Amino acid sequence: MRFFVFFSILSFGQSHPNILIIHTDDLGYHDLSIHGSKTYQTPHIDTLARQSVSFKKAYANYPRCVPSRFSMIRGNYPIQNGNIPDDGFKIKNIATNKNFIKSFNTIGYQTAYFGKWHLGDEQSLHDFGFQFSFGAGKAGSPISFIYPFNIFKGKGKNKKNQFQMLMT
């Protein structure tokens, strides 16, 4: 698994700079046009990267999404007491000094999480310290890609499953 992480630190007359972390699954360094991709054109990410502090030597600590995300969000290796977090895992009991989100909250930042969480349910995001979350949940992807993301659409049926049934 490869991933790309960069932080956007911009300050426009505010006391704290904005910080944006983008953590993607299966995105390699050379998959972005700013790094030479001829296959994919990523002009908006390229612009954001040019205007930001970009970390070009980041790597995934594990070849699967859950342990890799767990490692990044904690700033530590994913293997804990011989266990590796994987599907069905819920992040909990993170020491305050290992939780940068709560540290950001303490100094006045507003924190939000967008997209795939896969480290527990919606409550675990708030327990970890995120004040807002959009599209995240315990699954590897939201139920729907149309807001509100994790709500079944139409008479209690999951439209995503209906689409998948049409494709088989």
N, C-alpha and C. Protein backbone atom coordinates (compact mmCIF):
# COMPACT_ATOMS: atom_id res chain seq x y z
N MET A 1 0.84 -1.16 0.00
CA MET A 1 0.00 0.00 0.00
C MET A 1 0.89 1.23 0.00
N ARG A 2 0.52 2.18 -0.79
CA ARG A 2 1.22 3.44 -0.82
C ARG A 2 0.23 4.53 -0.47
N PHE A 3 0.74 5.60 0.13
CA PHE A 3 -0.15 6.72 0.37
C PHE A 3 0.63 8.01 0.32
N PHE A 4 -0.06 9.09 0.22
CA PHE A 4 0.53 10.40 0.08
C PHE A 4 -0.07 11.27 1.18
N VAL A 5 0.77 11.95 1.91
CA VAL A 5 0.30 12.82 2.98
C VAL A 5 0.93 14.18 2.78
N PHE A 6 0.15 15.23 2.87
CA PHE A 6 0.75 16.55 2.96
C PHE A 6 -0.11 17.42 3.85
N PHE A 7 0.53 18.41 4.40
CA PHE A 7 -0.13 19.33 5.30
C PHE A 7 -0.25 20.68 4.59
N SER A 8 -1.37 21.29 4.69
CA SER A 8 -1.54 22.64 4.17
C SER A 8 -1.51 23.58 5.36
N ILE A 9 -0.53 24.42 5.38
CA ILE A 9 -0.41 25.37 6.49
C ILE A 9 -0.48 26.77 5.88
N LEU A 10 -1.62 27.39 6.00
CA LEU A 10 -1.86 28.71 5.45
C LEU A 10 -2.35 29.62 6.57
N SER A 11 -1.94 30.85 6.55
CA SER A 11 -2.38 31.77 7.57
C SER A 11 -2.86 33.07 6.92
N PHE A 12 -4.09 33.43 7.15
CA PHE A 12 -4.66 34.65 6.60
C PHE A 12 -5.17 35.52 7.74
N GLY A 13 -4.26 36.16 8.45
CA GLY A 13 -4.65 37.05 9.53
C GLY A 13 -5.32 36.35 10.68
N GLN A 14 -5.03 35.12 10.88
CA GLN A 14 -5.61 34.37 11.99
C GLN A 14 -4.49 33.96 12.94
N SER A 15 -4.87 33.59 14.14
CA SER A 15 -3.85 33.27 15.13
C SER A 15 -3.21 31.91 14.91
N HIS A 16 -3.89 31.00 14.25
CA HIS A 16 -3.35 29.67 13.96
C HIS A 16 -3.44 29.39 12.47
N PRO A 17 -2.42 28.75 11.90
CA PRO A 17 -2.52 28.37 10.48
C PRO A 17 -3.53 27.24 10.30
N ASN A 18 -4.06 27.11 9.10
CA ASN A 18 -4.91 25.96 8.77
C ASN A 18 -4.03 24.75 8.57
N ILE A 19 -4.49 23.61 9.01
CA ILE A 19 -3.75 22.36 8.83
C ILE A 19 -4.69 21.36 8.19
N LEU A 20 -4.25 20.82 7.08
CA LEU A 20 -5.04 19.84 6.35
C LEU A 20 -4.17 18.62 6.12
N ILE A 21 -4.63 17.47 6.55
CA ILE A 21 -3.90 16.22 6.33
C ILE A 21 -4.72 15.40 5.34
N ILE A 22 -4.09 15.00 4.25
CA ILE A 22 -4.75 14.13 3.28
C ILE A 22 -4.05 12.79 3.33
N HIS A 23 -4.81 11.77 3.71
CA HIS A 23 -4.28 10.41 3.83
C HIS A 23 -5.13 9.55 2.91
N THR A 24 -4.53 9.02 1.87
CA THR A 24 -5.28 8.23 0.91
C THR A 24 -4.74 6.81 0.86
N ASP A 25 -5.59 5.90 0.50
CA ASP A 25 -5.17 4.51 0.30
C ASP A 25 -4.71 4.33 -1.15
N ASP A 26 -3.68 3.54 -1.31
CA ASP A 26 -3.23 3.10 -2.64
C ASP A 26 -2.93 4.24 -3.60
N LEU A 27 -2.38 5.31 -3.10
CA LEU A 27 -1.97 6.41 -3.95
C LEU A 27 -0.46 6.56 -3.80
N GLY A 28 0.24 6.30 -4.86
CA GLY A 28 1.70 6.38 -4.83
C GLY A 28 2.20 7.78 -5.13
N TYR A 29 3.42 8.03 -4.78
CA TYR A 29 4.08 9.31 -5.00
C TYR A 29 3.97 9.73 -6.47
N HIS A 30 4.20 8.82 -7.38
CA HIS A 30 4.19 9.13 -8.82
C HIS A 30 2.80 9.08 -9.44
N ASP A 31 1.74 8.93 -8.63
CA ASP A 31 0.38 8.94 -9.14
C ASP A 31 -0.19 10.35 -9.26
N LEU A 32 0.53 11.34 -8.82
CA LEU A 32 0.09 12.73 -8.91
C LEU A 32 0.85 13.43 -10.02
N SER A 33 0.16 14.29 -10.77
CA SER A 33 0.85 14.96 -11.88
C SER A 33 1.96 15.88 -11.40
N ILE A 34 1.86 16.41 -10.18
CA ILE A 34 2.94 17.25 -9.65
C ILE A 34 4.24 16.46 -9.48
N HIS A 35 4.12 15.14 -9.37
CA HIS A 35 5.30 14.28 -9.23
C HIS A 35 5.60 13.51 -10.51
N GLY A 36 5.02 13.94 -11.62
CA GLY A 36 5.39 13.37 -12.90
C GLY A 36 4.43 12.39 -13.53
N SER A 37 3.26 12.17 -12.95
CA SER A 37 2.32 11.21 -13.54
C SER A 37 1.88 11.69 -14.92
N LYS A 38 1.95 10.80 -15.86
CA LYS A 38 1.41 11.06 -17.20
C LYS A 38 0.04 10.41 -17.35
N THR A 39 -0.30 9.52 -16.42
CA THR A 39 -1.59 8.82 -16.46
C THR A 39 -2.71 9.64 -15.83
N TYR A 40 -2.43 10.22 -14.66
CA TYR A 40 -3.44 10.96 -13.91
C TYR A 40 -3.10 12.44 -13.91
N GLN A 41 -4.11 13.26 -14.13
CA GLN A 41 -3.94 14.70 -14.02
C GLN A 41 -4.64 15.15 -12.75
N THR A 42 -3.89 15.75 -11.84
CA THR A 42 -4.42 16.14 -10.53
C THR A 42 -4.15 17.62 -10.28
N PRO A 43 -4.72 18.53 -11.09
CA PRO A 43 -4.37 19.95 -10.99
C PRO A 43 -4.71 20.60 -9.65
N HIS A 44 -5.82 20.19 -9.02
CA HIS A 44 -6.21 20.83 -7.76
C HIS A 44 -5.31 20.37 -6.62
N ILE A 45 -4.98 19.09 -6.59
CA ILE A 45 -4.04 18.60 -5.58
C ILE A 45 -2.67 19.21 -5.81
N ASP A 46 -2.28 19.35 -7.08
CA ASP A 46 -0.99 19.95 -7.42
C ASP A 46 -0.90 21.39 -6.90
N THR A 47 -1.96 22.15 -7.10
CA THR A 47 -1.99 23.54 -6.63
C THR A 47 -1.89 23.59 -5.11
N LEU A 48 -2.67 22.75 -4.44
CA LEU A 48 -2.62 22.71 -2.99
C LEU A 48 -1.22 22.32 -2.50
N ALA A 49 -0.61 21.36 -3.14
CA ALA A 49 0.74 20.92 -2.75
C ALA A 49 1.77 22.03 -2.96
N ARG A 50 1.65 22.80 -4.06
CA ARG A 50 2.60 23.89 -4.31
C ARG A 50 2.47 25.00 -3.29
N GLN A 51 1.28 25.18 -2.72
CA GLN A 51 1.03 26.26 -1.76
C GLN A 51 1.20 25.80 -0.31
N SER A 52 1.71 24.60 -0.12
CA SER A 52 1.75 23.99 1.21
C SER A 52 3.14 23.50 1.57
N VAL A 53 3.25 23.03 2.78
CA VAL A 53 4.42 22.27 3.19
C VAL A 53 4.13 20.84 2.77
N SER A 54 4.98 20.27 1.96
CA SER A 54 4.74 18.93 1.44
C SER A 54 5.80 17.98 1.96
N PHE A 55 5.38 16.88 2.53
CA PHE A 55 6.29 15.86 3.04
C PHE A 55 6.41 14.76 1.99
N LYS A 56 7.55 14.68 1.36
CA LYS A 56 7.74 13.77 0.24
C LYS A 56 8.35 12.44 0.63
N LYS A 57 8.68 12.26 1.88
CA LYS A 57 9.29 11.00 2.31
C LYS A 57 8.42 10.27 3.32
N ALA A 58 7.12 10.48 3.26
CA ALA A 58 6.20 9.76 4.13
C ALA A 58 5.99 8.36 3.56
N TYR A 59 5.69 7.42 4.41
CA TYR A 59 5.41 6.07 3.93
C TYR A 59 4.40 5.42 4.86
N ALA A 60 3.76 4.39 4.36
CA ALA A 60 2.78 3.66 5.15
C ALA A 60 3.51 2.67 6.05
N ASN A 61 3.08 2.59 7.29
CA ASN A 61 3.68 1.66 8.23
C ASN A 61 3.17 0.24 8.08
N TYR A 62 2.20 0.05 7.24
CA TYR A 62 1.63 -1.29 7.07
C TYR A 62 0.96 -1.34 5.70
N PRO A 63 0.90 -2.48 5.04
CA PRO A 63 0.35 -2.54 3.69
C PRO A 63 -1.17 -2.64 3.61
N ARG A 64 -1.88 -2.38 4.68
CA ARG A 64 -3.35 -2.37 4.67
C ARG A 64 -3.83 -1.05 5.25
N CYS A 65 -5.05 -0.67 4.88
CA CYS A 65 -5.56 0.65 5.24
C CYS A 65 -5.77 0.86 6.73
N VAL A 66 -6.38 -0.09 7.43
CA VAL A 66 -6.69 0.12 8.84
C VAL A 66 -5.43 0.30 9.68
N PRO A 67 -4.45 -0.62 9.61
CA PRO A 67 -3.25 -0.41 10.41
C PRO A 67 -2.47 0.85 10.00
N SER A 68 -2.46 1.14 8.72
CA SER A 68 -1.76 2.33 8.24
C SER A 68 -2.42 3.60 8.79
N ARG A 69 -3.74 3.68 8.73
CA ARG A 69 -4.46 4.85 9.25
C ARG A 69 -4.29 4.96 10.77
N PHE A 70 -4.36 3.82 11.47
CA PHE A 70 -4.16 3.79 12.92
C PHE A 70 -2.78 4.35 13.26
N SER A 71 -1.77 3.93 12.51
CA SER A 71 -0.40 4.38 12.75
C SER A 71 -0.27 5.87 12.51
N MET A 72 -0.82 6.36 11.43
CA MET A 72 -0.72 7.79 11.11
C MET A 72 -1.44 8.64 12.14
N ILE A 73 -2.62 8.24 12.54
CA ILE A 73 -3.42 9.05 13.46
C ILE A 73 -2.82 9.06 14.87
N ARG A 74 -2.06 8.02 15.22
CA ARG A 74 -1.42 7.94 16.54
C ARG A 74 0.03 8.38 16.54
N GLY A 75 0.67 8.37 15.37
CA GLY A 75 2.09 8.71 15.32
C GLY A 75 2.95 7.61 15.91
N ASN A 76 2.55 6.35 15.68
CA ASN A 76 3.26 5.22 16.27
C ASN A 76 3.12 4.03 15.32
N TYR A 77 3.86 2.97 15.60
CA TYR A 77 3.74 1.76 14.80
C TYR A 77 2.39 1.09 15.05
N PRO A 78 1.84 0.39 14.05
CA PRO A 78 0.50 -0.19 14.22
C PRO A 78 0.47 -1.43 15.12
N ILE A 79 1.55 -2.16 15.24
CA ILE A 79 1.53 -3.40 16.03
C ILE A 79 1.65 -3.03 17.51
N GLN A 80 0.64 -3.40 18.26
CA GLN A 80 0.60 -3.10 19.70
C GLN A 80 0.37 -4.39 20.47
N ASN A 81 1.32 -4.76 21.31
CA ASN A 81 1.23 -5.99 22.10
C ASN A 81 0.99 -7.21 21.21
N GLY A 82 1.60 -7.22 20.03
CA GLY A 82 1.47 -8.34 19.12
C GLY A 82 0.21 -8.34 18.28
N ASN A 83 -0.66 -7.36 18.49
CA ASN A 83 -1.92 -7.27 17.74
C ASN A 83 -1.83 -6.20 16.67
N ILE A 84 -2.47 -6.46 15.55
CA ILE A 84 -2.51 -5.50 14.46
C ILE A 84 -3.97 -5.10 14.25
N PRO A 85 -4.28 -3.80 14.33
CA PRO A 85 -5.66 -3.39 14.08
C PRO A 85 -6.07 -3.71 12.65
N ASP A 86 -7.28 -4.21 12.48
CA ASP A 86 -7.77 -4.56 11.15
C ASP A 86 -9.28 -4.37 11.13
N ASP A 87 -9.97 -4.88 10.13
CA ASP A 87 -11.41 -4.70 10.01
C ASP A 87 -12.09 -5.01 11.34
N GLY A 88 -13.05 -4.18 11.71
CA GLY A 88 -13.78 -4.37 12.96
C GLY A 88 -13.10 -3.73 14.15
N PHE A 89 -11.93 -3.15 13.95
CA PHE A 89 -11.17 -2.51 15.02
C PHE A 89 -11.81 -1.19 15.41
N LYS A 90 -11.75 -0.84 16.68
CA LYS A 90 -12.22 0.45 17.16
C LYS A 90 -11.11 1.12 17.94
N ILE A 91 -10.71 2.31 17.50
CA ILE A 91 -9.65 3.04 18.18
C ILE A 91 -10.17 3.54 19.52
N LYS A 92 -9.41 3.32 20.58
CA LYS A 92 -9.83 3.76 21.92
C LYS A 92 -8.62 3.78 22.84
N ASN A 93 -8.80 4.41 23.97
CA ASN A 93 -7.78 4.48 25.02
C ASN A 93 -6.43 4.99 24.50
N ILE A 94 -6.46 6.05 23.72
CA ILE A 94 -5.23 6.65 23.21
C ILE A 94 -4.78 7.68 24.23
N ALA A 95 -3.54 7.56 24.67
CA ALA A 95 -2.99 8.50 25.65
C ALA A 95 -3.06 9.93 25.10
N THR A 96 -3.34 10.88 25.95
CA THR A 96 -3.47 12.27 25.55
C THR A 96 -2.25 12.77 24.80
N ASN A 97 -1.06 12.35 25.23
CA ASN A 97 0.16 12.82 24.56
C ASN A 97 0.36 12.17 23.20
N LYS A 98 -0.46 11.19 22.83
CA LYS A 98 -0.40 10.56 21.51
C LYS A 98 -1.59 10.97 20.64
N ASN A 99 -2.40 11.90 21.11
CA ASN A 99 -3.60 12.31 20.39
C ASN A 99 -3.47 13.76 19.95
N PHE A 100 -2.95 13.98 18.73
CA PHE A 100 -2.73 15.34 18.28
C PHE A 100 -4.03 16.08 17.99
N ILE A 101 -5.12 15.36 17.75
CA ILE A 101 -6.41 16.02 17.50
C ILE A 101 -6.89 16.73 18.76
N LYS A 102 -6.84 16.06 19.90
CA LYS A 102 -7.25 16.70 21.15
C LYS A 102 -6.31 17.86 21.49
N SER A 103 -5.04 17.73 21.14
CA SER A 103 -4.10 18.84 21.36
C SER A 103 -4.50 20.05 20.52
N PHE A 104 -4.89 19.81 19.25
CA PHE A 104 -5.36 20.91 18.41
C PHE A 104 -6.61 21.55 19.00
N ASN A 105 -7.54 20.74 19.51
CA ASN A 105 -8.75 21.28 20.12
C ASN A 105 -8.40 22.17 21.31
N THR A 106 -7.46 21.74 22.12
CA THR A 106 -7.07 22.47 23.33
C THR A 106 -6.54 23.87 23.00
N ILE A 107 -5.84 24.00 21.87
CA ILE A 107 -5.27 25.32 21.54
C ILE A 107 -6.17 26.14 20.61
N GLY A 108 -7.41 25.68 20.43
CA GLY A 108 -8.41 26.50 19.75
C GLY A 108 -8.75 26.14 18.32
N TYR A 109 -8.21 25.06 17.80
CA TYR A 109 -8.57 24.64 16.45
C TYR A 109 -9.95 24.01 16.43
N GLN A 110 -10.63 24.09 15.28
CA GLN A 110 -11.81 23.29 15.02
C GLN A 110 -11.32 22.11 14.19
N THR A 111 -11.73 20.91 14.56
CA THR A 111 -11.23 19.71 13.89
C THR A 111 -12.37 18.96 13.23
N ALA A 112 -12.10 18.44 12.03
CA ALA A 112 -13.11 17.70 11.28
C ALA A 112 -12.43 16.55 10.56
N TYR A 113 -13.19 15.49 10.33
CA TYR A 113 -12.71 14.34 9.58
C TYR A 113 -13.65 14.10 8.42
N PHE A 114 -13.10 13.96 7.22
CA PHE A 114 -13.88 13.74 6.01
C PHE A 114 -13.45 12.42 5.39
N GLY A 115 -14.40 11.55 5.07
CA GLY A 115 -14.09 10.34 4.32
C GLY A 115 -13.97 9.10 5.16
N LYS A 116 -13.18 8.18 4.66
CA LYS A 116 -13.05 6.85 5.24
C LYS A 116 -12.35 6.90 6.60
N TRP A 117 -12.99 6.42 7.63
CA TRP A 117 -12.42 6.36 8.98
C TRP A 117 -11.93 4.94 9.24
N HIS A 118 -12.83 4.00 9.26
CA HIS A 118 -12.51 2.57 9.36
C HIS A 118 -11.74 2.21 10.63
N LEU A 119 -11.84 3.07 11.65
CA LEU A 119 -11.21 2.80 12.95
C LEU A 119 -12.24 2.77 14.06
N GLY A 120 -13.46 2.42 13.71
CA GLY A 120 -14.54 2.38 14.69
C GLY A 120 -15.77 3.05 14.10
N ASP A 121 -16.75 3.26 14.96
CA ASP A 121 -18.00 3.86 14.51
C ASP A 121 -17.91 5.38 14.57
N GLU A 122 -19.02 6.02 14.24
CA GLU A 122 -19.09 7.48 14.23
C GLU A 122 -18.73 8.05 15.61
N GLN A 123 -19.14 7.39 16.67
CA GLN A 123 -18.85 7.87 18.02
C GLN A 123 -17.35 7.87 18.30
N SER A 124 -16.63 6.89 17.74
CA SER A 124 -15.18 6.83 18.00
C SER A 124 -14.46 8.05 17.44
N LEU A 125 -14.99 8.63 16.36
CA LEU A 125 -14.42 9.87 15.83
C LEU A 125 -14.52 10.99 16.84
N HIS A 126 -15.69 11.12 17.46
CA HIS A 126 -15.89 12.16 18.46
C HIS A 126 -15.10 11.85 19.73
N ASP A 127 -15.04 10.59 20.11
CA ASP A 127 -14.25 10.21 21.28
C ASP A 127 -12.77 10.51 21.07
N PHE A 128 -12.30 10.35 19.83
CA PHE A 128 -10.91 10.64 19.51
C PHE A 128 -10.64 12.14 19.54
N GLY A 129 -11.69 12.95 19.37
CA GLY A 129 -11.52 14.39 19.49
C GLY A 129 -12.02 15.20 18.31
N PHE A 130 -12.41 14.55 17.21
CA PHE A 130 -12.91 15.32 16.08
C PHE A 130 -14.25 15.94 16.43
N GLN A 131 -14.40 17.23 16.18
CA GLN A 131 -15.63 17.93 16.50
C GLN A 131 -16.71 17.70 15.44
N PHE A 132 -16.30 17.47 14.21
CA PHE A 132 -17.22 17.25 13.10
C PHE A 132 -16.72 16.07 12.28
N SER A 133 -17.63 15.34 11.67
CA SER A 133 -17.22 14.28 10.74
C SER A 133 -18.25 14.19 9.62
N PHE A 134 -17.75 13.90 8.43
CA PHE A 134 -18.59 13.82 7.24
C PHE A 134 -18.19 12.60 6.43
N GLY A 135 -19.12 11.71 6.23
CA GLY A 135 -18.88 10.55 5.38
C GLY A 135 -18.12 9.43 6.04
N ALA A 136 -17.69 9.61 7.26
CA ALA A 136 -16.91 8.58 7.93
C ALA A 136 -17.83 7.63 8.68
N GLY A 137 -17.36 6.45 8.90
CA GLY A 137 -18.12 5.46 9.65
C GLY A 137 -17.27 4.23 9.87
N LYS A 138 -17.87 3.19 10.39
CA LYS A 138 -17.10 2.00 10.72
C LYS A 138 -16.72 1.17 9.49
N ALA A 139 -17.43 1.36 8.39
CA ALA A 139 -17.12 0.60 7.19
C ALA A 139 -15.99 1.27 6.43
N GLY A 140 -15.47 0.55 5.47
CA GLY A 140 -14.40 1.10 4.65
C GLY A 140 -14.87 2.17 3.70
N SER A 141 -16.19 2.26 3.51
CA SER A 141 -16.74 3.32 2.67
C SER A 141 -18.11 3.67 3.20
N PRO A 142 -18.61 4.87 2.87
CA PRO A 142 -19.94 5.23 3.34
C PRO A 142 -21.02 4.42 2.62
N ILE A 143 -22.21 4.39 3.18
CA ILE A 143 -23.34 3.70 2.57
C ILE A 143 -23.66 4.33 1.22
N SER A 144 -23.57 5.64 1.15
CA SER A 144 -23.87 6.38 -0.06
C SER A 144 -22.84 7.48 -0.24
N PHE A 145 -22.61 7.89 -1.46
CA PHE A 145 -21.71 9.01 -1.72
C PHE A 145 -22.48 10.30 -1.93
N ILE A 146 -23.78 10.28 -1.61
CA ILE A 146 -24.63 11.46 -1.67
C ILE A 146 -24.99 11.82 -0.24
N TYR A 147 -24.77 13.09 0.14
CA TYR A 147 -25.03 13.54 1.51
C TYR A 147 -26.51 13.38 1.84
N PRO A 148 -26.92 12.98 3.03
CA PRO A 148 -26.08 12.52 4.14
C PRO A 148 -25.53 11.12 3.86
N PHE A 149 -24.25 10.92 4.08
CA PHE A 149 -23.52 9.77 3.59
C PHE A 149 -23.91 8.43 4.21
N ASN A 150 -24.11 8.36 5.49
CA ASN A 150 -24.33 7.08 6.15
C ASN A 150 -25.79 6.84 6.52
N ILE A 151 -26.68 7.34 5.69
CA ILE A 151 -28.12 7.14 5.87
C ILE A 151 -28.63 6.36 4.67
N PHE A 152 -29.39 5.30 4.93
CA PHE A 152 -29.99 4.55 3.83
C PHE A 152 -30.94 5.46 3.07
N LYS A 153 -30.91 5.40 1.77
CA LYS A 153 -31.75 6.25 0.93
C LYS A 153 -32.92 5.41 0.39
N GLY A 154 -34.12 5.88 0.55
CA GLY A 154 -35.28 5.27 -0.09
C GLY A 154 -35.81 4.00 0.54
N LYS A 155 -36.87 4.11 1.32
CA LYS A 155 -37.62 2.99 1.87
C LYS A 155 -36.75 1.94 2.55
N GLY A 156 -35.69 2.39 3.20
CA GLY A 156 -34.86 1.47 3.98
C GLY A 156 -33.97 0.57 3.16
N LYS A 157 -33.90 0.78 1.86
CA LYS A 157 -33.05 -0.06 1.02
C LYS A 157 -31.75 0.66 0.71
N ASN A 158 -30.70 -0.07 0.72
CA ASN A 158 -29.39 0.47 0.42
C ASN A 158 -29.21 0.54 -1.09
N LYS A 159 -29.17 1.75 -1.62
CA LYS A 159 -29.04 1.94 -3.07
C LYS A 159 -27.73 1.37 -3.59
N LYS A 160 -26.70 1.42 -2.78
CA LYS A 160 -25.40 0.88 -3.19
C LYS A 160 -25.50 -0.61 -3.49
N ASN A 161 -26.20 -1.35 -2.63
CA ASN A 161 -26.36 -2.79 -2.86
C ASN A 161 -27.21 -3.06 -4.10
N GLN A 162 -28.23 -2.22 -4.34
CA GLN A 162 -29.06 -2.40 -5.54
C GLN A 162 -28.22 -2.21 -6.78
N PHE A 163 -27.35 -1.23 -6.78
CA PHE A 163 -26.49 -0.99 -7.93
C PHE A 163 -25.53 -2.17 -8.14
N GLN A 164 -24.98 -2.66 -7.05
CA GLN A 164 -24.06 -3.80 -7.15
C GLN A 164 -24.79 -5.03 -7.70
N MET A 165 -26.06 -5.22 -7.32
CA MET A 165 -26.82 -6.36 -7.83
C MET A 165 -27.04 -6.23 -9.33
N LEU A 166 -27.24 -5.01 -9.84
CA LEU A 166 -27.43 -4.79 -11.26
C LEU A 166 -26.16 -5.12 -12.05
N MET A 167 -25.02 -4.93 -11.41
CA MET A 167 -23.75 -5.14 -12.09
C MET A 167 -23.32 -6.60 -12.14
N THR A 168 -23.97 -7.46 -11.35
CA THR A 168 -23.57 -8.88 -11.33
C THR A 168 -24.44 -9.71 -12.23
